[in-house]
Amino acid sequence: MQNDHPQPPATPGQSADGWQESDSVAFLDVGRSLTPGRDEIARALRELVPARSDEPFVFVDIGTGQGWLSQQLLDHFPAAHAIALDGSPTMLKHAAALLAPFAGRFELRPFRLEEPAWLDALGNDIRCFLSSLVIHHLDGPAKRALFAAIYRHLAPGGALLIADLIAPTSEWGRRYAAQAWDEAVRRQSLEFAGDLRAYDFFIEQQWNIYIYPDPTDIPSSVPEQLGWLAEAGFSGVDVFWLRAGHAVFGGYKPDS
């Protein structure tokens, strides 16, 4: 759970954070079951976006994956426009299919999270940046720098809202997160698919980083990340939801 792991070099079919196209294919199949409370996460993020439901605005989905979060927001905010970013061609292909009903209201762009140039192409008037299960691939200094850079690209009154893995600050916290994540995946595997296929995949692939640490997963603690958000200038910095080592947190850019 340390924040000083070096990023491994990318190889063909693999991003610099270690994610491979085979991971994308697997996650598309069972991803909803592997994320504790994903429907609750989506609801929290929707309700935290600083916009009226009928208001036109632009949001950026950092690491959109199959596009489920952009889908949720485009459906809830019928005048909104999404810029959905991902480093996986497989994920972008599936996001294009999922978001097809919203034609004309979204853009899909390839990007590399660790290369800050993607922010420069966005301008400085984004209402909301959102991200689900992506930013933990950056180490602490890179997260800190990203939060500051995003703040500069936000419109006044805008928000940065993150759903991600977090690093426990104690051994008690690590044990609890590990157990709770296992239990959540088992329960959701049965609930969503009626069998334990997703749970078996989760166990066989040693997906639970609180039991099987992976150098490409570099979560930071809640206190650290709230501090970096406040340091960048965000107000209303808070944790809005927390379960099984997964949290929704973020902050808002003051109106003036």
Protein backbone atom coordinates (compact mmCIF):
# COMPACT_ATOMS: atom_id res chain seq x y z
CA MET A 1 0.00 0.00 0.00
CA GLN A 2 2.98 2.30 -0.34
CA ASN A 3 2.88 5.28 -2.70
CA ASP A 4 6.39 4.96 -4.11
CA HIS A 5 6.07 2.03 -6.51
CA PRO A 6 7.60 2.84 -9.91
CA GLN A 7 5.32 2.51 -12.90
CA PRO A 8 6.32 -0.50 -15.05
CA PRO A 9 7.18 0.08 -18.69
CA ALA A 10 4.37 -0.53 -21.15
CA THR A 11 4.55 -3.55 -23.42
CA PRO A 12 2.45 -4.28 -26.51
CA GLY A 13 -1.20 -4.57 -25.47
CA GLN A 14 -0.41 -3.21 -22.01
CA SER A 15 -0.75 0.30 -20.65
CA ALA A 16 1.81 1.85 -18.35
CA ASP A 17 -0.40 1.04 -15.37
CA GLY A 18 -0.21 -2.67 -16.18
CA TRP A 19 -3.74 -2.99 -17.59
CA GLN A 20 -3.91 -5.29 -20.61
CA GLU A 21 -6.59 -5.86 -23.24
CA SER A 22 -7.27 -9.28 -21.72
CA ASP A 23 -8.11 -7.47 -18.46
CA SER A 24 -10.59 -5.32 -20.37
CA VAL A 25 -12.34 -8.36 -21.82
CA ALA A 26 -12.57 -10.04 -18.41
CA PHE A 27 -13.78 -6.92 -16.65
CA LEU A 28 -16.52 -6.33 -19.23
CA ASP A 29 -17.92 -9.73 -18.35
CA VAL A 30 -17.95 -9.48 -14.54
CA GLY A 31 -17.09 -5.88 -13.67
CA ARG A 32 -20.39 -4.97 -12.05
CA SER A 33 -20.05 -7.87 -9.60
CA LEU A 34 -16.44 -7.00 -8.73
CA THR A 35 -17.19 -3.42 -7.65
CA PRO A 36 -18.88 -3.15 -4.24
CA GLY A 37 -22.09 -1.14 -4.51
CA ARG A 38 -21.58 0.09 -8.07
CA ASP A 39 -25.22 1.20 -8.36
CA GLU A 40 -24.84 3.18 -5.13
CA ILE A 41 -21.64 4.72 -6.46
CA ALA A 42 -23.42 5.79 -9.65
CA ARG A 43 -26.27 7.34 -7.67
CA ALA A 44 -23.87 9.22 -5.40
CA LEU A 45 -21.90 10.61 -8.32
CA ARG A 46 -25.06 11.70 -10.14
CA GLU A 47 -26.38 13.53 -7.11
CA LEU A 48 -23.05 15.24 -6.42
CA VAL A 49 -22.66 16.75 -9.91
CA PRO A 50 -23.10 20.53 -9.53
CA ALA A 51 -25.77 20.99 -12.21
CA ARG A 52 -29.54 21.06 -12.59
CA SER A 53 -30.96 18.01 -14.34
CA ASP A 54 -31.96 20.11 -17.40
CA GLU A 55 -28.80 22.21 -17.56
CA PRO A 56 -26.36 22.02 -20.50
CA PHE A 57 -22.77 21.37 -19.38
CA VAL A 58 -19.69 19.31 -20.24
CA PHE A 59 -18.29 16.57 -18.04
CA VAL A 60 -15.17 14.44 -18.45
CA ASP A 61 -15.19 10.73 -17.60
CA ILE A 62 -11.58 9.80 -16.80
CA GLY A 63 -11.09 6.13 -17.64
CA THR A 64 -14.62 5.49 -18.85
CA GLY A 65 -14.15 1.73 -19.30
CA GLN A 66 -17.26 0.31 -20.91
CA GLY A 67 -18.98 3.67 -20.48
CA TRP A 68 -21.39 2.84 -17.65
CA LEU A 69 -20.78 6.05 -15.71
CA SER A 70 -21.13 8.28 -18.78
CA GLN A 71 -24.32 6.41 -19.62
CA GLN A 72 -25.72 7.12 -16.16
CA LEU A 73 -24.97 10.83 -16.38
CA LEU A 74 -26.12 11.33 -19.96
CA ASP A 75 -29.41 9.68 -19.06
CA HIS A 76 -29.88 11.75 -15.90
CA PHE A 77 -28.75 15.06 -17.47
CA PRO A 78 -30.39 15.16 -20.93
CA ALA A 79 -28.64 18.38 -21.97
CA ALA A 80 -25.15 17.30 -20.85
CA HIS A 81 -22.23 16.42 -23.12
CA ALA A 82 -19.61 13.79 -22.19
CA ILE A 83 -15.94 13.56 -23.05
CA ALA A 84 -15.12 9.94 -22.23
CA LEU A 85 -11.46 8.92 -22.04
CA ASP A 86 -9.87 5.49 -21.92
CA GLY A 87 -6.58 3.85 -22.78
CA SER A 88 -8.07 0.54 -23.89
CA PRO A 89 -9.31 0.08 -27.48
CA THR A 90 -11.52 -2.74 -26.24
CA MET A 91 -13.17 -0.53 -23.66
CA LEU A 92 -13.64 2.35 -26.11
CA LYS A 93 -15.32 0.00 -28.56
CA HIS A 94 -17.78 -1.20 -25.95
CA ALA A 95 -18.35 2.33 -24.67
CA ALA A 96 -19.24 3.42 -28.19
CA ALA A 97 -21.90 0.71 -28.38
CA LEU A 98 -23.28 1.43 -24.91
CA LEU A 99 -23.48 5.19 -25.53
CA ALA A 100 -24.86 4.92 -29.06
CA PRO A 101 -28.38 6.04 -27.94
CA PHE A 102 -26.79 9.38 -26.95
CA ALA A 103 -25.32 10.10 -30.40
CA GLY A 104 -24.16 13.69 -30.73
CA ARG A 105 -23.79 14.10 -26.97
CA PHE A 106 -20.50 12.31 -26.33
CA GLU A 107 -16.93 12.09 -27.58
CA LEU A 108 -14.67 9.09 -27.04
CA ARG A 109 -10.96 9.84 -26.84
CA PRO A 110 -7.96 7.56 -26.25
CA PHE A 111 -5.61 8.79 -23.52
CA ARG A 112 -2.85 7.78 -21.15
CA LEU A 113 -3.58 8.79 -17.58
CA GLU A 114 0.07 9.22 -16.69
CA GLU A 115 0.69 11.68 -19.55
CA PRO A 116 -0.77 15.11 -18.61
CA ALA A 117 -1.13 16.27 -22.23
CA TRP A 118 -4.69 14.90 -22.35
CA LEU A 119 -5.78 17.73 -20.05
CA ASP A 120 -4.46 20.41 -22.38
CA ALA A 121 -6.95 19.42 -25.08
CA LEU A 122 -9.96 20.01 -22.82
CA GLY A 123 -9.95 23.76 -22.30
CA ASN A 124 -10.71 25.44 -18.99
CA ASP A 125 -14.50 25.34 -18.75
CA ILE A 126 -15.35 21.77 -17.70
CA ARG A 127 -18.20 21.56 -15.21
CA CYS A 128 -17.26 18.21 -13.75
CA PHE A 129 -14.45 15.66 -13.89
CA LEU A 130 -15.45 12.17 -12.75
CA SER A 131 -13.47 8.97 -12.47
CA SER A 132 -14.19 5.42 -11.36
CA LEU A 133 -11.44 2.95 -10.37
CA VAL A 134 -8.65 4.57 -12.36
CA ILE A 135 -6.70 7.18 -10.39
CA HIS A 136 -5.32 4.61 -7.92
CA HIS A 137 -2.89 3.61 -10.68
CA LEU A 138 -1.01 6.89 -10.06
CA ASP A 139 1.39 7.26 -7.17
CA GLY A 140 0.91 9.92 -4.52
CA PRO A 141 2.86 12.77 -6.16
CA ALA A 142 1.14 12.11 -9.49
CA LYS A 143 -2.32 12.19 -7.85
CA ARG A 144 -1.42 15.44 -6.13
CA ALA A 145 -0.31 16.98 -9.43
CA LEU A 146 -3.40 15.69 -11.24
CA PHE A 147 -5.78 17.22 -8.70
CA ALA A 148 -4.07 20.59 -9.09
CA ALA A 149 -4.14 20.38 -12.89
CA ILE A 150 -7.82 19.42 -12.96
CA TYR A 151 -8.64 22.36 -10.70
CA ARG A 152 -7.19 24.72 -13.31
CA HIS A 153 -9.41 23.23 -16.04
CA LEU A 154 -12.64 23.40 -14.05
CA ALA A 155 -15.20 26.15 -14.49
CA PRO A 156 -16.01 28.09 -11.31
CA GLY A 157 -18.49 26.03 -9.32
CA GLY A 158 -17.29 22.83 -10.97
CA ALA A 159 -16.33 19.58 -9.25
CA LEU A 160 -13.87 16.71 -9.22
CA LEU A 161 -15.65 13.52 -8.10
CA ILE A 162 -13.75 10.25 -7.70
CA ALA A 163 -14.80 6.69 -6.97
CA ASP A 164 -11.73 4.62 -6.23
CA LEU A 165 -9.80 2.18 -4.11
CA ILE A 166 -8.26 3.69 -1.00
CA ALA A 167 -5.29 2.69 1.13
CA PRO A 168 -6.16 1.75 4.73
CA THR A 169 -4.13 3.55 7.37
CA SER A 170 -3.90 0.53 9.68
CA GLU A 171 -3.66 -3.25 9.62
CA TRP A 172 -7.16 -3.37 11.11
CA GLY A 173 -8.42 -1.32 8.17
CA ARG A 174 -6.66 -3.54 5.64
CA ARG A 175 -8.12 -6.73 7.10
CA TYR A 176 -11.61 -5.27 7.20
CA ALA A 177 -11.42 -3.98 3.61
CA ALA A 178 -10.16 -7.36 2.39
CA GLN A 179 -12.93 -9.32 4.09
CA ALA A 180 -15.67 -6.86 3.13
CA TRP A 181 -14.62 -6.85 -0.53
CA ASP A 182 -14.64 -10.66 -0.70
CA GLU A 183 -18.09 -10.75 0.89
CA ALA A 184 -19.47 -8.05 -1.43
CA VAL A 185 -18.30 -9.82 -4.57
CA ARG A 186 -19.73 -13.15 -3.45
CA ARG A 187 -23.09 -11.56 -2.64
CA GLN A 188 -23.22 -9.59 -5.90
CA SER A 189 -22.15 -12.56 -8.01
CA LEU A 190 -25.20 -14.43 -6.75
CA GLU A 191 -27.46 -11.37 -7.02
CA PHE A 192 -26.54 -10.32 -10.56
CA ALA A 193 -25.83 -13.66 -12.24
CA GLY A 194 -27.41 -16.27 -9.99
CA ASP A 195 -24.13 -18.14 -9.62
CA LEU A 196 -20.59 -17.73 -8.27
CA ARG A 197 -18.82 -17.37 -11.60
CA ALA A 198 -17.78 -13.75 -10.96
CA TYR A 199 -16.74 -14.54 -7.39
CA ASP A 200 -14.67 -17.53 -8.55
CA PHE A 201 -12.96 -15.29 -11.12
CA PHE A 202 -12.28 -12.70 -8.39
CA ILE A 203 -10.65 -15.31 -6.16
CA GLU A 204 -8.73 -17.15 -8.89
CA GLN A 205 -7.30 -13.94 -10.34
CA GLN A 206 -6.33 -12.69 -6.86
CA TRP A 207 -8.18 -9.43 -7.61
CA ASN A 208 -8.42 -8.32 -3.97
CA ILE A 209 -5.41 -6.02 -3.57
CA TYR A 210 -5.89 -5.90 0.19
CA ILE A 211 -4.88 -9.57 0.23
CA TYR A 212 -2.70 -9.69 -2.90
CA PRO A 213 -0.92 -6.34 -3.33
CA ASP A 214 0.00 -5.45 -6.91
CA PRO A 215 2.68 -2.85 -7.73
CA THR A 216 0.45 -1.37 -10.44
CA ASP A 217 -2.26 -0.59 -7.86
CA ILE A 218 -1.12 2.36 -5.74
CA PRO A 219 -4.10 3.58 -3.71
CA SER A 220 -3.58 6.50 -1.38
CA SER A 221 -5.31 7.04 1.94
CA VAL A 222 -8.41 9.17 2.38
CA PRO A 223 -6.62 11.78 4.55
CA GLU A 224 -3.85 12.15 1.96
CA GLN A 225 -6.21 12.64 -0.94
CA LEU A 226 -8.52 15.04 0.86
CA GLY A 227 -5.43 17.04 1.79
CA TRP A 228 -4.24 17.21 -1.82
CA LEU A 229 -7.69 18.32 -2.96
CA ALA A 230 -7.79 21.10 -0.37
CA GLU A 231 -4.24 22.11 -1.24
CA ALA A 232 -5.24 22.42 -4.90
CA GLY A 233 -7.96 24.89 -3.94
CA PHE A 234 -11.05 22.70 -3.75
CA SER A 235 -13.71 23.50 -1.15
CA GLY A 236 -16.38 21.20 0.26
CA VAL A 237 -13.79 18.41 0.23
CA ASP A 238 -15.36 15.28 1.66
CA VAL A 239 -15.87 11.50 1.56
CA PHE A 240 -19.43 10.92 0.40
CA TRP A 241 -19.58 7.11 0.37
CA LEU A 242 -17.31 4.32 1.62
CA ARG A 243 -17.48 0.54 1.49
CA ALA A 244 -15.04 -2.39 1.35
CA GLY A 245 -11.99 -0.30 0.54
CA HIS A 246 -13.85 1.72 -2.12
CA ALA A 247 -14.78 5.37 -1.62
CA VAL A 248 -16.50 8.26 -3.37
CA PHE A 249 -14.80 11.54 -2.54
CA GLY A 250 -14.03 14.89 -4.12
CA GLY A 251 -14.44 18.64 -3.90
CA TYR A 252 -15.75 21.77 -5.60
CA LYS A 253 -14.11 24.81 -7.18
CA PRO A 254 -15.43 27.99 -5.57
CA ASP A 255 -17.66 30.17 -7.74
CA SER A 256 -15.28 33.09 -7.42
